[in-house]
Amino acid sequence: MPAFKDNNFNERSQAAAKARQAMVERFRAQPGPDDPAVIALREEQRKVAEARELRAAERRAAREAEAARQRADEAARLLEQKAREAEAAKLAVEAAARELARQADQKAARDARYAARKARR
């Protein structure tokens, strides 16, 4: 096992100063905002953001188109249902009219028989 190394305050202070200096050097080594590489990177990021916005707009348009198609389908279904209901109502009215005509014919025949019976007396 290695022996315990006792760092005194001066050694620790020098090590911290060297670490700070290394951080400053790394920061100064970074390219500035007018560097062509930074400008190219920003341009690439702008293009990616524009493409992302375009895809989002396309998705929104597709969702809106789908919603409009669903509303149109629902309206068509409702229209067909109303047409079927109207046709059923029309058939019911015609059946009721036929029934009333049949009852009127029966009543007329009954009244004629009744009148004939009265006339025979």
N, C-alpha and C. Protein backbone atom coordinates (compact mmCIF):
# COMPACT_ATOMS: atom_id res chain seq x y z
N MET A 1 0.83 -1.16 0.00
CA MET A 1 0.00 0.00 0.00
C MET A 1 0.89 1.24 0.00
N PRO A 2 0.55 2.23 -0.88
CA PRO A 2 1.40 3.42 -0.93
C PRO A 2 1.27 4.23 0.34
N ALA A 3 2.28 4.94 0.60
CA ALA A 3 2.28 5.77 1.80
C ALA A 3 1.34 6.95 1.62
N PHE A 4 0.78 7.43 2.67
CA PHE A 4 -0.15 8.55 2.64
C PHE A 4 0.62 9.81 2.26
N LYS A 5 0.10 10.50 1.22
CA LYS A 5 0.77 11.71 0.77
C LYS A 5 0.04 12.89 1.40
N ASP A 6 0.71 13.66 2.17
CA ASP A 6 0.09 14.79 2.84
C ASP A 6 0.35 16.04 2.01
N ASN A 7 -0.73 16.55 1.38
CA ASN A 7 -0.60 17.79 0.62
C ASN A 7 -0.80 18.95 1.57
N ASN A 8 0.13 19.87 1.50
CA ASN A 8 -0.05 21.03 2.35
C ASN A 8 -0.85 22.10 1.60
N PHE A 9 -1.11 23.19 2.23
CA PHE A 9 -1.97 24.22 1.66
C PHE A 9 -1.40 24.80 0.37
N ASN A 10 -0.11 25.02 0.31
CA ASN A 10 0.51 25.59 -0.88
C ASN A 10 0.34 24.68 -2.09
N GLU A 11 0.52 23.39 -1.91
CA GLU A 11 0.35 22.45 -3.02
C GLU A 11 -1.09 22.43 -3.50
N ARG A 12 -2.03 22.41 -2.57
CA ARG A 12 -3.46 22.42 -2.95
C ARG A 12 -3.81 23.72 -3.66
N SER A 13 -3.30 24.83 -3.19
CA SER A 13 -3.57 26.12 -3.80
C SER A 13 -2.99 26.18 -5.21
N GLN A 14 -1.77 25.67 -5.40
CA GLN A 14 -1.17 25.65 -6.73
C GLN A 14 -1.96 24.75 -7.68
N ALA A 15 -2.44 23.61 -7.19
CA ALA A 15 -3.22 22.69 -8.03
C ALA A 15 -4.54 23.36 -8.45
N ALA A 16 -5.17 24.09 -7.54
CA ALA A 16 -6.42 24.78 -7.87
C ALA A 16 -6.16 25.89 -8.87
N ALA A 17 -5.04 26.61 -8.72
CA ALA A 17 -4.70 27.68 -9.67
C ALA A 17 -4.45 27.10 -11.05
N LYS A 18 -3.75 25.96 -11.13
CA LYS A 18 -3.50 25.31 -12.42
C LYS A 18 -4.83 24.87 -13.07
N ALA A 19 -5.76 24.37 -12.28
CA ALA A 19 -7.06 23.94 -12.80
C ALA A 19 -7.84 25.13 -13.35
N ARG A 20 -7.80 26.26 -12.59
CA ARG A 20 -8.48 27.46 -13.09
C ARG A 20 -7.85 27.97 -14.37
N GLN A 21 -6.52 27.94 -14.43
CA GLN A 21 -5.82 28.40 -15.63
C GLN A 21 -6.17 27.50 -16.81
N ALA A 22 -6.28 26.19 -16.61
CA ALA A 22 -6.64 25.27 -17.68
C ALA A 22 -8.06 25.56 -18.18
N MET A 23 -8.96 25.89 -17.24
CA MET A 23 -10.33 26.22 -17.65
C MET A 23 -10.35 27.50 -18.47
N VAL A 24 -9.56 28.50 -18.08
CA VAL A 24 -9.48 29.76 -18.83
C VAL A 24 -8.93 29.51 -20.23
N GLU A 25 -7.90 28.67 -20.32
CA GLU A 25 -7.30 28.36 -21.62
C GLU A 25 -8.31 27.64 -22.53
N ARG A 26 -9.08 26.71 -21.97
CA ARG A 26 -10.10 26.00 -22.77
C ARG A 26 -11.16 26.99 -23.24
N PHE A 27 -11.54 27.94 -22.37
CA PHE A 27 -12.55 28.92 -22.76
C PHE A 27 -12.02 29.83 -23.87
N ARG A 28 -10.75 30.26 -23.75
CA ARG A 28 -10.16 31.15 -24.75
C ARG A 28 -9.93 30.42 -26.07
N ALA A 29 -9.77 29.12 -26.02
CA ALA A 29 -9.54 28.34 -27.23
C ALA A 29 -10.81 28.16 -28.05
N GLN A 30 -11.96 28.40 -27.44
CA GLN A 30 -13.21 28.25 -28.17
C GLN A 30 -13.31 29.31 -29.26
N PRO A 31 -13.92 28.97 -30.40
CA PRO A 31 -14.04 29.95 -31.48
C PRO A 31 -15.04 31.05 -31.10
N GLY A 32 -14.84 32.24 -31.62
CA GLY A 32 -15.72 33.37 -31.34
C GLY A 32 -16.98 33.32 -32.19
N PRO A 33 -17.91 34.25 -31.97
CA PRO A 33 -19.17 34.23 -32.72
C PRO A 33 -18.99 34.57 -34.20
N ASP A 34 -17.87 35.18 -34.58
CA ASP A 34 -17.65 35.52 -35.99
C ASP A 34 -16.82 34.46 -36.70
N ASP A 35 -16.52 33.36 -36.05
CA ASP A 35 -15.74 32.29 -36.64
C ASP A 35 -16.60 31.58 -37.69
N PRO A 36 -16.03 31.24 -38.86
CA PRO A 36 -16.81 30.57 -39.92
C PRO A 36 -17.43 29.24 -39.46
N ALA A 37 -16.74 28.51 -38.60
CA ALA A 37 -17.30 27.24 -38.13
C ALA A 37 -18.54 27.49 -37.28
N VAL A 38 -18.50 28.53 -36.44
CA VAL A 38 -19.66 28.86 -35.60
C VAL A 38 -20.80 29.35 -36.48
N ILE A 39 -20.49 30.16 -37.47
CA ILE A 39 -21.53 30.67 -38.39
C ILE A 39 -22.16 29.50 -39.14
N ALA A 40 -21.34 28.56 -39.61
CA ALA A 40 -21.87 27.39 -40.33
C ALA A 40 -22.74 26.56 -39.41
N LEU A 41 -22.31 26.39 -38.16
CA LEU A 41 -23.10 25.61 -37.21
C LEU A 41 -24.45 26.28 -36.95
N ARG A 42 -24.43 27.60 -36.76
CA ARG A 42 -25.70 28.32 -36.55
C ARG A 42 -26.61 28.21 -37.76
N GLU A 43 -26.02 28.28 -38.97
CA GLU A 43 -26.82 28.15 -40.19
C GLU A 43 -27.44 26.75 -40.28
N GLU A 44 -26.67 25.74 -39.93
CA GLU A 44 -27.18 24.37 -39.94
C GLU A 44 -28.31 24.22 -38.93
N GLN A 45 -28.13 24.80 -37.74
CA GLN A 45 -29.18 24.74 -36.73
C GLN A 45 -30.43 25.46 -37.19
N ARG A 46 -30.26 26.59 -37.90
CA ARG A 46 -31.41 27.33 -38.42
C ARG A 46 -32.17 26.48 -39.45
N LYS A 47 -31.40 25.80 -40.33
CA LYS A 47 -32.04 24.95 -41.35
C LYS A 47 -32.81 23.80 -40.69
N VAL A 48 -32.21 23.22 -39.66
CA VAL A 48 -32.88 22.12 -38.95
C VAL A 48 -34.17 22.63 -38.30
N ALA A 49 -34.11 23.82 -37.70
CA ALA A 49 -35.30 24.38 -37.06
C ALA A 49 -36.38 24.68 -38.09
N GLU A 50 -35.98 25.20 -39.26
CA GLU A 50 -36.97 25.48 -40.31
C GLU A 50 -37.61 24.19 -40.80
N ALA A 51 -36.79 23.15 -40.97
CA ALA A 51 -37.34 21.86 -41.41
C ALA A 51 -38.30 21.31 -40.37
N ARG A 52 -37.95 21.46 -39.09
CA ARG A 52 -38.82 21.00 -38.01
C ARG A 52 -40.15 21.75 -38.05
N GLU A 53 -40.09 23.06 -38.23
CA GLU A 53 -41.32 23.87 -38.32
C GLU A 53 -42.16 23.45 -39.52
N LEU A 54 -41.49 23.18 -40.64
CA LEU A 54 -42.22 22.75 -41.84
C LEU A 54 -42.93 21.41 -41.60
N ARG A 55 -42.23 20.46 -40.97
CA ARG A 55 -42.87 19.17 -40.68
C ARG A 55 -44.04 19.34 -39.72
N ALA A 56 -43.87 20.22 -38.73
CA ALA A 56 -44.96 20.46 -37.77
C ALA A 56 -46.15 21.07 -38.49
N ALA A 57 -45.91 22.01 -39.40
CA ALA A 57 -47.00 22.62 -40.16
C ALA A 57 -47.69 21.58 -41.04
N GLU A 58 -46.91 20.69 -41.64
CA GLU A 58 -47.51 19.63 -42.46
C GLU A 58 -48.38 18.71 -41.61
N ARG A 59 -47.89 18.37 -40.41
CA ARG A 59 -48.70 17.52 -39.53
C ARG A 59 -49.98 18.22 -39.11
N ARG A 60 -49.87 19.52 -38.80
CA ARG A 60 -51.09 20.27 -38.43
C ARG A 60 -52.07 20.29 -39.59
N ALA A 61 -51.57 20.54 -40.80
CA ALA A 61 -52.45 20.57 -41.97
C ALA A 61 -53.10 19.20 -42.20
N ALA A 62 -52.33 18.14 -42.02
CA ALA A 62 -52.88 16.79 -42.20
C ALA A 62 -53.96 16.51 -41.15
N ARG A 63 -53.70 16.92 -39.90
CA ARG A 63 -54.72 16.73 -38.85
C ARG A 63 -55.98 17.52 -39.16
N GLU A 64 -55.81 18.76 -39.62
CA GLU A 64 -56.98 19.57 -39.94
C GLU A 64 -57.75 18.99 -41.12
N ALA A 65 -57.02 18.49 -42.13
CA ALA A 65 -57.68 17.87 -43.28
C ALA A 65 -58.44 16.61 -42.85
N GLU A 66 -57.83 15.82 -41.98
CA GLU A 66 -58.51 14.61 -41.48
C GLU A 66 -59.75 14.98 -40.68
N ALA A 67 -59.64 16.01 -39.86
CA ALA A 67 -60.80 16.44 -39.07
C ALA A 67 -61.91 16.94 -40.00
N ALA A 68 -61.55 17.68 -41.04
CA ALA A 68 -62.55 18.17 -41.99
C ALA A 68 -63.20 17.00 -42.73
N ARG A 69 -62.39 15.99 -43.09
CA ARG A 69 -62.95 14.82 -43.78
C ARG A 69 -63.90 14.07 -42.85
N GLN A 70 -63.52 13.95 -41.58
CA GLN A 70 -64.41 13.26 -40.65
C GLN A 70 -65.70 14.04 -40.45
N ARG A 71 -65.61 15.38 -40.39
CA ARG A 71 -66.83 16.17 -40.26
C ARG A 71 -67.72 16.02 -41.49
N ALA A 72 -67.10 15.98 -42.67
CA ALA A 72 -67.87 15.80 -43.90
C ALA A 72 -68.53 14.42 -43.92
N ASP A 73 -67.79 13.39 -43.50
CA ASP A 73 -68.36 12.04 -43.45
C ASP A 73 -69.53 11.99 -42.47
N GLU A 74 -69.36 12.63 -41.31
CA GLU A 74 -70.44 12.65 -40.32
C GLU A 74 -71.66 13.37 -40.87
N ALA A 75 -71.43 14.49 -41.56
CA ALA A 75 -72.55 15.23 -42.15
C ALA A 75 -73.25 14.38 -43.21
N ALA A 76 -72.48 13.65 -44.01
CA ALA A 76 -73.07 12.78 -45.03
C ALA A 76 -73.89 11.67 -44.37
N ARG A 77 -73.34 11.09 -43.29
CA ARG A 77 -74.08 10.04 -42.59
C ARG A 77 -75.39 10.59 -42.01
N LEU A 78 -75.31 11.77 -41.43
CA LEU A 78 -76.53 12.38 -40.88
C LEU A 78 -77.54 12.67 -41.98
N LEU A 79 -77.04 13.15 -43.11
CA LEU A 79 -77.93 13.45 -44.24
C LEU A 79 -78.60 12.17 -44.74
N GLU A 80 -77.83 11.09 -44.86
CA GLU A 80 -78.41 9.81 -45.29
C GLU A 80 -79.43 9.31 -44.28
N GLN A 81 -79.12 9.45 -43.00
CA GLN A 81 -80.05 9.02 -41.95
C GLN A 81 -81.34 9.82 -42.03
N LYS A 82 -81.23 11.14 -42.20
CA LYS A 82 -82.42 11.98 -42.32
C LYS A 82 -83.23 11.60 -43.55
N ALA A 83 -82.53 11.26 -44.66
CA ALA A 83 -83.24 10.84 -45.87
C ALA A 83 -83.98 9.53 -45.63
N ARG A 84 -83.33 8.59 -44.93
CA ARG A 84 -84.01 7.31 -44.62
C ARG A 84 -85.21 7.55 -43.71
N GLU A 85 -85.03 8.43 -42.72
CA GLU A 85 -86.15 8.74 -41.82
C GLU A 85 -87.29 9.40 -42.58
N ALA A 86 -86.97 10.30 -43.51
CA ALA A 86 -88.00 10.96 -44.31
C ALA A 86 -88.72 9.94 -45.19
N GLU A 87 -87.97 9.02 -45.78
CA GLU A 87 -88.58 7.98 -46.61
C GLU A 87 -89.48 7.09 -45.76
N ALA A 88 -89.03 6.74 -44.56
CA ALA A 88 -89.85 5.92 -43.67
C ALA A 88 -91.11 6.68 -43.27
N ALA A 89 -90.98 7.96 -43.00
CA ALA A 89 -92.15 8.76 -42.65
C ALA A 89 -93.12 8.84 -43.83
N LYS A 90 -92.57 9.01 -45.04
CA LYS A 90 -93.41 9.07 -46.24
C LYS A 90 -94.17 7.75 -46.42
N LEU A 91 -93.46 6.62 -46.23
CA LEU A 91 -94.12 5.31 -46.35
C LEU A 91 -95.19 5.14 -45.28
N ALA A 92 -94.90 5.63 -44.07
CA ALA A 92 -95.88 5.53 -42.99
C ALA A 92 -97.11 6.36 -43.32
N VAL A 93 -96.92 7.55 -43.88
CA VAL A 93 -98.06 8.41 -44.25
C VAL A 93 -98.87 7.74 -45.35
N GLU A 94 -98.16 7.16 -46.34
CA GLU A 94 -98.88 6.47 -47.42
C GLU A 94 -99.66 5.28 -46.88
N ALA A 95 -99.07 4.52 -45.96
CA ALA A 95 -99.76 3.37 -45.38
C ALA A 95 -100.97 3.84 -44.58
N ALA A 96 -100.81 4.95 -43.83
CA ALA A 96 -101.94 5.48 -43.08
C ALA A 96 -103.04 5.95 -44.02
N ALA A 97 -102.65 6.58 -45.14
CA ALA A 97 -103.65 7.03 -46.11
C ALA A 97 -104.38 5.85 -46.73
N ARG A 98 -103.64 4.78 -47.05
CA ARG A 98 -104.29 3.57 -47.59
C ARG A 98 -105.25 2.96 -46.57
N GLU A 99 -104.80 2.94 -45.30
CA GLU A 99 -105.66 2.39 -44.25
C GLU A 99 -106.93 3.22 -44.10
N LEU A 100 -106.79 4.55 -44.13
CA LEU A 100 -107.98 5.41 -44.04
C LEU A 100 -108.90 5.21 -45.24
N ALA A 101 -108.31 5.06 -46.43
CA ALA A 101 -109.13 4.83 -47.63
C ALA A 101 -109.85 3.49 -47.52
N ARG A 102 -109.15 2.47 -47.02
CA ARG A 102 -109.78 1.16 -46.85
C ARG A 102 -110.92 1.23 -45.85
N GLN A 103 -110.66 1.94 -44.72
CA GLN A 103 -111.72 2.09 -43.73
C GLN A 103 -112.90 2.87 -44.29
N ALA A 104 -112.62 3.90 -45.10
CA ALA A 104 -113.71 4.67 -45.71
C ALA A 104 -114.51 3.80 -46.67
N ASP A 105 -113.80 2.95 -47.46
CA ASP A 105 -114.51 2.04 -48.37
C ASP A 105 -115.37 1.05 -47.59
N GLN A 106 -114.82 0.52 -46.48
CA GLN A 106 -115.58 -0.41 -45.66
C GLN A 106 -116.82 0.27 -45.08
N LYS A 107 -116.63 1.52 -44.63
CA LYS A 107 -117.76 2.25 -44.05
C LYS A 107 -118.82 2.51 -45.13
N ALA A 108 -118.35 2.88 -46.32
CA ALA A 108 -119.31 3.13 -47.40
C ALA A 108 -120.06 1.85 -47.75
N ALA A 109 -119.35 0.72 -47.80
CA ALA A 109 -120.02 -0.55 -48.11
C ALA A 109 -121.00 -0.91 -47.00
N ARG A 110 -120.61 -0.69 -45.74
CA ARG A 110 -121.49 -0.98 -44.61
C ARG A 110 -122.71 -0.08 -44.65
N ASP A 111 -122.48 1.22 -44.92
CA ASP A 111 -123.61 2.15 -45.00
C ASP A 111 -124.54 1.77 -46.15
N ALA A 112 -123.96 1.31 -47.28
CA ALA A 112 -124.79 0.90 -48.42
C ALA A 112 -125.63 -0.32 -48.04
N ARG A 113 -125.03 -1.28 -47.34
CA ARG A 113 -125.79 -2.45 -46.91
C ARG A 113 -126.90 -2.05 -45.94
N TYR A 114 -126.56 -1.13 -45.02
CA TYR A 114 -127.54 -0.66 -44.06
C TYR A 114 -128.69 0.06 -44.78
N ALA A 115 -128.35 0.89 -45.77
CA ALA A 115 -129.38 1.61 -46.52
C ALA A 115 -130.24 0.62 -47.34
N ALA A 116 -129.62 -0.41 -47.90
CA ALA A 116 -130.37 -1.39 -48.66
C ALA A 116 -131.31 -2.16 -47.75
N ARG A 117 -130.86 -2.46 -46.55
CA ARG A 117 -131.71 -3.14 -45.60
C ARG A 117 -132.90 -2.27 -45.23
N LYS A 118 -132.65 -0.97 -45.03
CA LYS A 118 -133.72 -0.03 -44.68
C LYS A 118 -134.71 0.09 -45.85
N ALA A 119 -134.17 0.09 -47.07
CA ALA A 119 -135.02 0.25 -48.24
C ALA A 119 -135.90 -0.98 -48.43
N ARG A 120 -135.46 -2.14 -48.01
CA ARG A 120 -136.26 -3.35 -48.17
C ARG A 120 -137.44 -3.35 -47.21
N ARG A 121 -137.39 -2.66 -46.11
CA ARG A 121 -138.46 -2.68 -45.14
C ARG A 121 -139.64 -1.90 -45.57
